[in-house]
């Protein structure tokens, strides 16, 4: 039986790859890549010639089994993503799960990670953090995720694409209030930039003519202040959070359920208070 190697690759600068990662890519029988064109550039840079298999979110279910069959038959394979560590907000996690279910050995070859790199230069608390990845696109799920994240005391880390950044910052201002934030763009690349500001400051910045988001972003957001003791929390405060979710399109019953998870009040208590106030 062979082995699946989870190999970290550069997030921008081609020099940010370990000797072990290069040697592993040279030694395996096949390489599973999110975008074979991107990975081919990396392989060409290090003079590596290996068969590439396309493995991404749209074909993972179809090709995952055949990849596992080849590894089980004795071939060694590597899984890489376009940039950074596979399996982190990446379909590679499905291949690792398949291997685990079939008893196929999996080894990690660590490398750069955009979320940890951004946290390190953010200037915010690094002792405890929560990686949130990309926010959901569907409005109901997105609002629920933001509402839950707004309660976390850990530093929050999000990924965002440039064309969605301004909407995301506006949503964060609504749900999180005005906190410190670091916007990390194009890490390790030629136009690397770290903007340390506040959420409101970033909204104003991109609202100015000519300041358009460019490149992929990692957003590092200050965590919530220590929440009040349960005895200090009020039904009025919890109800205000329910109203915010409802105003953004979530069904009141669903909003009450989400807020009940992070307050001492039950869904029933919140829903009753919501209905009484509407009367």
C-alpha atoms as a PDB file:
ATOM      1  CA  UNK A   1       0.000   0.000   0.000  1.00  0.00           C
ATOM      2  CA  UNK A   2       1.187   3.488  -0.820  1.00  0.00           C
ATOM      3  CA  UNK A   3       0.846   6.772   1.068  1.00  0.00           C
ATOM      4  CA  UNK A   4      -0.969  10.058   0.487  1.00  0.00           C
ATOM      5  CA  UNK A   5       1.254  13.064   1.216  1.00  0.00           C
ATOM      6  CA  UNK A   6      -0.460  16.368   2.076  1.00  0.00           C
ATOM      7  CA  UNK A   7       2.071  18.873   0.748  1.00  0.00           C
ATOM      8  CA  UNK A   8       2.129  22.593   1.549  1.00  0.00           C
ATOM      9  CA  UNK A   9       3.139  24.847  -1.351  1.00  0.00           C
ATOM     10  CA  UNK A  10       3.985  28.571  -1.574  1.00  0.00           C
ATOM     11  CA  UNK A  11       1.178  31.117  -1.113  1.00  0.00           C
ATOM     12  CA  UNK A  12       2.901  33.498  -3.510  1.00  0.00           C
ATOM     13  CA  UNK A  13       6.680  33.590  -3.367  1.00  0.00           C
ATOM     14  CA  UNK A  14       8.122  30.536  -5.131  1.00  0.00           C
ATOM     15  CA  UNK A  15      10.992  30.448  -2.643  1.00  0.00           C
ATOM     16  CA  UNK A  16       8.660  29.579   0.235  1.00  0.00           C
ATOM     17  CA  UNK A  17       8.783  25.808  -0.137  1.00  0.00           C
ATOM     18  CA  UNK A  18      10.672  23.314   1.994  1.00  0.00           C
ATOM     19  CA  UNK A  19      13.363  20.909   0.814  1.00  0.00           C
ATOM     20  CA  UNK A  20      11.151  18.064   2.021  1.00  0.00           C
ATOM     21  CA  UNK A  21       8.191  19.305  -0.036  1.00  0.00           C
ATOM     22  CA  UNK A  22      10.300  19.443  -3.205  1.00  0.00           C
ATOM     23  CA  UNK A  23      11.769  15.994  -2.559  1.00  0.00           C
ATOM     24  CA  UNK A  24       8.317  14.565  -1.862  1.00  0.00           C
ATOM     25  CA  UNK A  25       6.883  15.948  -5.100  1.00  0.00           C
ATOM     26  CA  UNK A  26       9.848  14.447  -6.961  1.00  0.00           C
ATOM     27  CA  UNK A  27       9.400  11.026  -5.390  1.00  0.00           C
ATOM     28  CA  UNK A  28       5.646  10.376  -5.632  1.00  0.00           C
ATOM     29  CA  UNK A  29       3.973   8.587  -8.527  1.00  0.00           C
ATOM     30  CA  UNK A  30       1.221  11.151  -9.048  1.00  0.00           C
ATOM     31  CA  UNK A  31       0.199  14.617  -7.850  1.00  0.00           C
ATOM     32  CA  UNK A  32      -3.422  15.626  -7.237  1.00  0.00           C
ATOM     33  CA  UNK A  33      -3.822  19.345  -7.920  1.00  0.00           C
ATOM     34  CA  UNK A  34      -6.648  21.844  -7.517  1.00  0.00           C
ATOM     35  CA  UNK A  35      -5.657  23.588 -10.770  1.00  0.00           C
ATOM     36  CA  UNK A  36      -3.123  21.618 -12.810  1.00  0.00           C
ATOM     37  CA  UNK A  37      -2.034  24.770 -14.674  1.00  0.00           C
ATOM     38  CA  UNK A  38      -1.026  26.501 -11.431  1.00  0.00           C
ATOM     39  CA  UNK A  39       0.756  23.428 -10.080  1.00  0.00           C
ATOM     40  CA  UNK A  40       2.553  22.856 -13.393  1.00  0.00           C
ATOM     41  CA  UNK A  41       4.211  26.267 -13.034  1.00  0.00           C
ATOM     42  CA  UNK A  42       5.516  25.248  -9.614  1.00  0.00           C
ATOM     43  CA  UNK A  43       6.769  21.909 -10.919  1.00  0.00           C
ATOM     44  CA  UNK A  44       8.471  23.580 -13.872  1.00  0.00           C
ATOM     45  CA  UNK A  45      10.180  26.031 -11.541  1.00  0.00           C
ATOM     46  CA  UNK A  46      11.754  23.140  -9.606  1.00  0.00           C
ATOM     47  CA  UNK A  47      12.293  20.917 -12.657  1.00  0.00           C
ATOM     48  CA  UNK A  48       9.831  18.256 -11.477  1.00  0.00           C
ATOM     49  CA  UNK A  49       8.074  16.034 -13.996  1.00  0.00           C
ATOM     50  CA  UNK A  50       5.194  13.996 -12.592  1.00  0.00           C
ATOM     51  CA  UNK A  51       1.688  13.035 -13.763  1.00  0.00           C
ATOM     52  CA  UNK A  52      -0.942  15.523 -12.589  1.00  0.00           C
ATOM     53  CA  UNK A  53      -4.533  14.629 -11.741  1.00  0.00           C
ATOM     54  CA  UNK A  54      -7.152  17.369 -11.522  1.00  0.00           C
ATOM     55  CA  UNK A  55      -8.822  17.232  -8.098  1.00  0.00           C
ATOM     56  CA  UNK A  56     -11.145  20.089  -7.108  1.00  0.00           C
ATOM     57  CA  UNK A  57     -14.530  20.737  -5.496  1.00  0.00           C
ATOM     58  CA  UNK A  58     -16.472  19.950  -8.651  1.00  0.00           C
ATOM     59  CA  UNK A  59     -14.942  16.522  -9.355  1.00  0.00           C
ATOM     60  CA  UNK A  60     -13.791  15.375  -5.893  1.00  0.00           C
ATOM     61  CA  UNK A  61     -16.632  12.886  -5.483  1.00  0.00           C
ATOM     62  CA  UNK A  62     -16.058  11.433  -8.951  1.00  0.00           C
ATOM     63  CA  UNK A  63     -12.288  10.942  -8.875  1.00  0.00           C
ATOM     64  CA  UNK A  64     -11.547  10.505  -5.154  1.00  0.00           C
ATOM     65  CA  UNK A  65     -12.279   6.788  -5.189  1.00  0.00           C
ATOM     66  CA  UNK A  66     -10.001   6.061  -8.145  1.00  0.00           C
ATOM     67  CA  UNK A  67      -7.142   7.982  -6.514  1.00  0.00           C
ATOM     68  CA  UNK A  68      -7.562   5.924  -3.356  1.00  0.00           C
ATOM     69  CA  UNK A  69      -7.593   2.730  -5.451  1.00  0.00           C
ATOM     70  CA  UNK A  70      -4.229   3.640  -6.959  1.00  0.00           C
ATOM     71  CA  UNK A  71      -2.717   4.410  -3.554  1.00  0.00           C
ATOM     72  CA  UNK A  72      -4.129   1.178  -2.109  1.00  0.00           C
ATOM     73  CA  UNK A  73      -2.505  -0.659  -5.031  1.00  0.00           C
ATOM     74  CA  UNK A  74       0.923   0.656  -4.025  1.00  0.00           C
ATOM     75  CA  UNK A  75       1.368   4.061  -5.650  1.00  0.00           C
ATOM     76  CA  UNK A  76       2.356   7.118  -3.623  1.00  0.00           C
ATOM     77  CA  UNK A  77       0.407  10.328  -4.236  1.00  0.00           C
ATOM     78  CA  UNK A  78       0.675  13.962  -3.183  1.00  0.00           C
ATOM     79  CA  UNK A  79      -2.242  16.355  -2.754  1.00  0.00           C
ATOM     80  CA  UNK A  80      -1.538  20.057  -3.261  1.00  0.00           C
ATOM     81  CA  UNK A  81      -3.677  23.164  -3.529  1.00  0.00           C
ATOM     82  CA  UNK A  82      -3.088  26.285  -5.614  1.00  0.00           C
ATOM     83  CA  UNK A  83      -1.458  28.036  -2.657  1.00  0.00           C
ATOM     84  CA  UNK A  84      -0.686  27.056   0.928  1.00  0.00           C
ATOM     85  CA  UNK A  85      -1.776  24.005   2.868  1.00  0.00           C
ATOM     86  CA  UNK A  86      -4.221  21.579   1.261  1.00  0.00           C
ATOM     87  CA  UNK A  87      -7.399  20.694   3.165  1.00  0.00           C
ATOM     88  CA  UNK A  88      -7.799  24.154   4.762  1.00  0.00           C
ATOM     89  CA  UNK A  89     -10.920  25.640   3.121  1.00  0.00           C
ATOM     90  CA  UNK A  90     -10.004  23.251   0.336  1.00  0.00           C
ATOM     91  CA  UNK A  91     -11.519  20.063  -1.170  1.00  0.00           C
ATOM     92  CA  UNK A  92      -8.387  18.118  -0.258  1.00  0.00           C
ATOM     93  CA  UNK A  93     -10.032  17.400   3.083  1.00  0.00           C
ATOM     94  CA  UNK A  94     -12.422  15.012   1.302  1.00  0.00           C
ATOM     95  CA  UNK A  95      -9.531  12.952  -0.075  1.00  0.00           C
ATOM     96  CA  UNK A  96      -7.937  12.708   3.358  1.00  0.00           C
ATOM     97  CA  UNK A  97     -11.272  11.536   4.805  1.00  0.00           C
ATOM     98  CA  UNK A  98     -11.556   8.870   2.110  1.00  0.00           C
ATOM     99  CA  UNK A  99      -8.046   7.641   2.864  1.00  0.00           C
ATOM    100  CA  UNK A 100      -8.775   7.561   6.581  1.00  0.00           C
ATOM    101  CA  UNK A 101     -11.930   5.513   5.985  1.00  0.00           C
ATOM    102  CA  UNK A 102      -9.983   3.003   3.884  1.00  0.00           C
ATOM    103  CA  UNK A 103      -7.002   2.763   6.215  1.00  0.00           C
ATOM    104  CA  UNK A 104      -4.632   4.394   3.730  1.00  0.00           C
ATOM    105  CA  UNK A 105      -1.607   6.093   5.380  1.00  0.00           C
ATOM    106  CA  UNK A 106      -1.587   9.894   5.206  1.00  0.00           C
ATOM    107  CA  UNK A 107       1.466  12.020   6.004  1.00  0.00           C
ATOM    108  CA  UNK A 108       1.678  15.802   6.189  1.00  0.00           C
ATOM    109  CA  UNK A 109       4.512  17.808   4.639  1.00  0.00           C
ATOM    110  CA  UNK A 110       3.877  21.211   6.237  1.00  0.00           C
ATOM    111  CA  UNK A 111       4.282  24.493   4.430  1.00  0.00           C
ATOM    112  CA  UNK A 112       2.990  28.077   4.302  1.00  0.00           C
ATOM    113  CA  UNK A 113      -0.537  28.948   5.402  1.00  0.00           C
ATOM    114  CA  UNK A 114      -2.155  32.272   4.543  1.00  0.00           C
ATOM    115  CA  UNK A 115      -4.337  32.381   7.662  1.00  0.00           C
ATOM    116  CA  UNK A 116      -1.475  31.871  10.136  1.00  0.00           C
ATOM    117  CA  UNK A 117       0.840  34.173   8.179  1.00  0.00           C
ATOM    118  CA  UNK A 118      -1.764  36.940   8.256  1.00  0.00           C
ATOM    119  CA  UNK A 119      -2.367  36.428  11.975  1.00  0.00           C
ATOM    120  CA  UNK A 120       1.366  36.719  12.657  1.00  0.00           C
ATOM    121  CA  UNK A 121       1.607  40.184  11.057  1.00  0.00           C
ATOM    122  CA  UNK A 122      -1.839  41.462  12.064  1.00  0.00           C
ATOM    123  CA  UNK A 123      -0.779  43.201  15.259  1.00  0.00           C
ATOM    124  CA  UNK A 124      -3.770  41.591  17.017  1.00  0.00           C
ATOM    125  CA  UNK A 125      -3.916  38.973  19.773  1.00  0.00           C
ATOM    126  CA  UNK A 126      -2.448  35.667  18.578  1.00  0.00           C
ATOM    127  CA  UNK A 127      -2.903  33.608  21.761  1.00  0.00           C
ATOM    128  CA  UNK A 128      -6.352  32.331  20.744  1.00  0.00           C
ATOM    129  CA  UNK A 129      -7.927  32.542  17.315  1.00  0.00           C
ATOM    130  CA  UNK A 130     -10.825  31.107  15.321  1.00  0.00           C
ATOM    131  CA  UNK A 131     -10.436  30.374  11.629  1.00  0.00           C
ATOM    132  CA  UNK A 132     -13.743  31.118   9.880  1.00  0.00           C
ATOM    133  CA  UNK A 133     -12.618  30.695   6.267  1.00  0.00           C
ATOM    134  CA  UNK A 134     -14.986  32.022   3.598  1.00  0.00           C
ATOM    135  CA  UNK A 135     -18.409  33.244   4.694  1.00  0.00           C
ATOM    136  CA  UNK A 136     -21.408  31.435   3.164  1.00  0.00           C
ATOM    137  CA  UNK A 137     -22.985  33.026   0.100  1.00  0.00           C
ATOM    138  CA  UNK A 138     -26.576  32.201   1.072  1.00  0.00           C
ATOM    139  CA  UNK A 139     -27.938  35.097   3.111  1.00  0.00           C
ATOM    140  CA  UNK A 140     -29.536  33.093   5.920  1.00  0.00           C
ATOM    141  CA  UNK A 141     -26.432  30.986   6.558  1.00  0.00           C
ATOM    142  CA  UNK A 142     -24.177  34.037   6.215  1.00  0.00           C
ATOM    143  CA  UNK A 143     -26.116  36.033   8.807  1.00  0.00           C
ATOM    144  CA  UNK A 144     -26.177  33.106  11.214  1.00  0.00           C
ATOM    145  CA  UNK A 145     -22.391  32.657  10.879  1.00  0.00           C
ATOM    146  CA  UNK A 146     -21.753  36.374  11.475  1.00  0.00           C
ATOM    147  CA  UNK A 147     -24.066  36.421  14.481  1.00  0.00           C
ATOM    148  CA  UNK A 148     -22.302  33.432  16.041  1.00  0.00           C
ATOM    149  CA  UNK A 149     -18.829  34.818  15.242  1.00  0.00           C
ATOM    150  CA  UNK A 150     -19.721  38.176  16.795  1.00  0.00           C
ATOM    151  CA  UNK A 151     -19.829  36.505  20.227  1.00  0.00           C
ATOM    152  CA  UNK A 152     -16.393  34.875  20.033  1.00  0.00           C
ATOM    153  CA  UNK A 153     -13.618  36.377  22.134  1.00  0.00           C
ATOM    154  CA  UNK A 154     -10.888  34.829  19.973  1.00  0.00           C
ATOM    155  CA  UNK A 155      -9.273  36.769  17.148  1.00  0.00           C
ATOM    156  CA  UNK A 156     -11.245  35.934  13.986  1.00  0.00           C
ATOM    157  CA  UNK A 157      -9.695  35.045  10.615  1.00  0.00           C
ATOM    158  CA  UNK A 158     -11.638  35.167   7.348  1.00  0.00           C
ATOM    159  CA  UNK A 159     -10.765  34.675   3.681  1.00  0.00           C
ATOM    160  CA  UNK A 160     -12.366  36.928   1.080  1.00  0.00           C
ATOM    161  CA  UNK A 161     -12.232  37.570  -2.643  1.00  0.00           C
ATOM    162  CA  UNK A 162     -11.756  41.171  -3.830  1.00  0.00           C
ATOM    163  CA  UNK A 163     -15.174  41.474  -5.509  1.00  0.00           C
ATOM    164  CA  UNK A 164     -16.935  40.505  -2.265  1.00  0.00           C
ATOM    165  CA  UNK A 165     -14.762  42.449   0.172  1.00  0.00           C
ATOM    166  CA  UNK A 166     -16.783  45.664   0.486  1.00  0.00           C
ATOM    167  CA  UNK A 167     -20.036  43.803   1.191  1.00  0.00           C
ATOM    168  CA  UNK A 168     -18.285  41.628   3.768  1.00  0.00           C
ATOM    169  CA  UNK A 169     -16.797  44.639   5.566  1.00  0.00           C
ATOM    170  CA  UNK A 170     -20.220  46.313   5.696  1.00  0.00           C
ATOM    171  CA  UNK A 171     -21.747  43.124   7.138  1.00  0.00           C
ATOM    172  CA  UNK A 172     -18.967  42.869   9.718  1.00  0.00           C
ATOM    173  CA  UNK A 173     -19.545  46.446  10.830  1.00  0.00           C
ATOM    174  CA  UNK A 174     -23.220  45.665  11.338  1.00  0.00           C
ATOM    175  CA  UNK A 175     -22.703  42.441  13.283  1.00  0.00           C
ATOM    176  CA  UNK A 176     -19.368  43.019  15.048  1.00  0.00           C
ATOM    177  CA  UNK A 177     -19.481  46.752  15.635  1.00  0.00           C
ATOM    178  CA  UNK A 178     -16.375  48.846  15.084  1.00  0.00           C
ATOM    179  CA  UNK A 179     -13.392  46.643  15.957  1.00  0.00           C
ATOM    180  CA  UNK A 180      -9.750  46.632  14.967  1.00  0.00           C
ATOM    181  CA  UNK A 181      -9.035  44.743  11.761  1.00  0.00           C
ATOM    182  CA  UNK A 182      -6.017  43.888   9.636  1.00  0.00           C
ATOM    183  CA  UNK A 183      -6.592  43.452   5.925  1.00  0.00           C
ATOM    184  CA  UNK A 184      -3.768  41.325   4.521  1.00  0.00           C
ATOM    185  CA  UNK A 185      -3.503  41.336   0.739  1.00  0.00           C
ATOM    186  CA  UNK A 186      -1.328  39.303  -1.634  1.00  0.00           C
ATOM    187  CA  UNK A 187       0.859  37.892   1.146  1.00  0.00           C
ATOM    188  CA  UNK A 188       4.458  37.086   0.080  1.00  0.00           C
ATOM    189  CA  UNK A 189       3.784  38.464  -3.421  1.00  0.00           C
ATOM    190  CA  UNK A 190       5.160  41.579  -5.097  1.00  0.00           C
ATOM    191  CA  UNK A 191       2.293  43.797  -3.955  1.00  0.00           C
ATOM    192  CA  UNK A 192       1.967  42.440  -0.406  1.00  0.00           C
ATOM    193  CA  UNK A 193       0.096  44.852   1.844  1.00  0.00           C
ATOM    194  CA  UNK A 194      -1.125  44.811   5.445  1.00  0.00           C
ATOM    195  CA  UNK A 195      -3.637  47.514   6.363  1.00  0.00           C
ATOM    196  CA  UNK A 196      -4.165  47.835  10.121  1.00  0.00           C
ATOM    197  CA  UNK A 197      -7.257  49.911  10.808  1.00  0.00           C
ATOM    198  CA  UNK A 198     -10.830  49.585  12.121  1.00  0.00           C
ATOM    199  CA  UNK A 199     -13.770  48.006  10.353  1.00  0.00           C
ATOM    200  CA  UNK A 200     -15.385  51.419   9.873  1.00  0.00           C
ATOM    201  CA  UNK A 201     -12.076  52.796   8.640  1.00  0.00           C
ATOM    202  CA  UNK A 202     -11.801  50.067   6.031  1.00  0.00           C
ATOM    203  CA  UNK A 203     -15.387  50.681   4.872  1.00  0.00           C
ATOM    204  CA  UNK A 204     -14.603  54.373   4.421  1.00  0.00           C
ATOM    205  CA  UNK A 205     -11.314  53.625   2.665  1.00  0.00           C
ATOM    206  CA  UNK A 206     -12.881  51.413   0.012  1.00  0.00           C
ATOM    207  CA  UNK A 207     -15.810  53.810  -0.310  1.00  0.00           C
ATOM    208  CA  UNK A 208     -13.453  56.481  -1.609  1.00  0.00           C
ATOM    209  CA  UNK A 209     -13.117  56.859  -5.351  1.00  0.00           C
ATOM    210  CA  UNK A 210     -10.281  54.809  -6.770  1.00  0.00           C
ATOM    211  CA  UNK A 211      -9.662  52.596  -3.718  1.00  0.00           C
ATOM    212  CA  UNK A 212     -10.767  49.270  -5.139  1.00  0.00           C
ATOM    213  CA  UNK A 213      -9.982  45.880  -3.576  1.00  0.00           C
ATOM    214  CA  UNK A 214      -7.338  43.986  -5.535  1.00  0.00           C
ATOM    215  CA  UNK A 215      -5.981  40.506  -4.894  1.00  0.00           C
ATOM    216  CA  UNK A 216      -7.033  37.879  -2.386  1.00  0.00           C
ATOM    217  CA  UNK A 217      -7.554  39.019   1.210  1.00  0.00           C
ATOM    218  CA  UNK A 218      -7.149  37.543   4.654  1.00  0.00           C
ATOM    219  CA  UNK A 219      -9.154  39.526   7.224  1.00  0.00           C
ATOM    220  CA  UNK A 220      -7.986  39.334  10.826  1.00  0.00           C
ATOM    221  CA  UNK A 221     -10.589  40.805  13.177  1.00  0.00           C
ATOM    222  CA  UNK A 222     -10.356  41.638  16.865  1.00  0.00           C
ATOM    223  CA  UNK A 223     -12.424  39.288  19.019  1.00  0.00           C
ATOM    224  CA  UNK A 224     -15.388  40.318  21.153  1.00  0.00           C
ATOM    225  CA  UNK A 225     -14.749  41.842  24.513  1.00  0.00           C
ATOM    226  CA  UNK A 226     -15.385  39.555  27.470  1.00  0.00           C
ATOM    227  CA  UNK A 227     -19.152  39.029  27.549  1.00  0.00           C
ATOM    228  CA  UNK A 228     -21.116  40.052  30.650  1.00  0.00           C
ATOM    229  CA  UNK A 229     -21.986  37.424  33.213  1.00  0.00           C
ATOM    230  CA  UNK A 230     -25.268  35.675  32.584  1.00  0.00           C
ATOM    231  CA  UNK A 231     -26.882  37.652  35.388  1.00  0.00           C
ATOM    232  CA  UNK A 232     -25.988  40.870  33.555  1.00  0.00           C
ATOM    233  CA  UNK A 233     -27.407  39.766  30.212  1.00  0.00           C
ATOM    234  CA  UNK A 234     -30.908  40.997  29.523  1.00  0.00           C
ATOM    235  CA  UNK A 235     -33.734  39.708  27.397  1.00  0.00           C
ATOM    236  CA  UNK A 236     -33.817  43.125  25.736  1.00  0.00           C
ATOM    237  CA  UNK A 237     -30.213  42.788  24.596  1.00  0.00           C
ATOM    238  CA  UNK A 238     -30.794  39.289  23.243  1.00  0.00           C
ATOM    239  CA  UNK A 239     -33.999  40.428  21.525  1.00  0.00           C
ATOM    240  CA  UNK A 240     -32.076  43.233  19.810  1.00  0.00           C
ATOM    241  CA  UNK A 241     -29.789  40.603  18.276  1.00  0.00           C
ATOM    242  CA  UNK A 242     -32.825  38.625  17.112  1.00  0.00           C
ATOM    243  CA  UNK A 243     -34.208  41.751  15.429  1.00  0.00           C
ATOM    244  CA  UNK A 244     -30.923  42.331  13.632  1.00  0.00           C
ATOM    245  CA  UNK A 245     -30.991  38.849  12.142  1.00  0.00           C
ATOM    246  CA  UNK A 246     -34.676  39.159  11.242  1.00  0.00           C
ATOM    247  CA  UNK A 247     -34.091  42.528   9.596  1.00  0.00           C
ATOM    248  CA  UNK A 248     -31.486  40.877   7.384  1.00  0.00           C
ATOM    249  CA  UNK A 249     -33.922  38.286   6.079  1.00  0.00           C
ATOM    250  CA  UNK A 250     -33.739  35.433   8.603  1.00  0.00           C
ATOM    251  CA  UNK A 251     -37.020  33.902   9.797  1.00  0.00           C
ATOM    252  CA  UNK A 252     -37.745  35.126  13.360  1.00  0.00           C
ATOM    253  CA  UNK A 253     -37.957  31.554  14.685  1.00  0.00           C
ATOM    254  CA  UNK A 254     -34.553  30.737  13.174  1.00  0.00           C
ATOM    255  CA  UNK A 255     -33.095  33.977  14.539  1.00  0.00           C
ATOM    256  CA  UNK A 256     -34.345  33.115  18.027  1.00  0.00           C
ATOM    257  CA  UNK A 257     -32.745  29.669  17.773  1.00  0.00           C
ATOM    258  CA  UNK A 258     -29.358  31.129  16.765  1.00  0.00           C
ATOM    259  CA  UNK A 259     -29.325  33.754  19.527  1.00  0.00           C
ATOM    260  CA  UNK A 260     -30.461  31.188  22.098  1.00  0.00           C
ATOM    261  CA  UNK A 261     -27.192  29.340  21.434  1.00  0.00           C
ATOM    262  CA  UNK A 262     -25.103  32.278  22.666  1.00  0.00           C
ATOM    263  CA  UNK A 263     -27.291  33.746  25.417  1.00  0.00           C
ATOM    264  CA  UNK A 264     -28.880  32.312  28.587  1.00  0.00           C
ATOM    265  CA  UNK A 265     -32.371  32.654  27.089  1.00  0.00           C
ATOM    266  CA  UNK A 266     -34.265  29.843  25.365  1.00  0.00           C
ATOM    267  CA  UNK A 267     -35.633  29.973  21.849  1.00  0.00           C
ATOM    268  CA  UNK A 268     -39.154  29.974  23.305  1.00  0.00           C
ATOM    269  CA  UNK A 269     -38.448  32.906  25.605  1.00  0.00           C
ATOM    270  CA  UNK A 270     -36.982  34.943  22.782  1.00  0.00           C
ATOM    271  CA  UNK A 271     -39.753  34.101  20.322  1.00  0.00           C
ATOM    272  CA  UNK A 272     -42.455  34.990  22.853  1.00  0.00           C
ATOM    273  CA  UNK A 273     -40.775  38.317  23.566  1.00  0.00           C
ATOM    274  CA  UNK A 274     -40.417  38.955  19.830  1.00  0.00           C
ATOM    275  CA  UNK A 275     -44.117  38.336  19.199  1.00  0.00           C
ATOM    276  CA  UNK A 276     -45.217  40.389  22.202  1.00  0.00           C
ATOM    277  CA  UNK A 277     -43.205  43.378  21.026  1.00  0.00           C
ATOM    278  CA  UNK A 278     -44.731  43.169  17.549  1.00  0.00           C
ATOM    279  CA  UNK A 279     -48.272  43.319  18.944  1.00  0.00           C
END
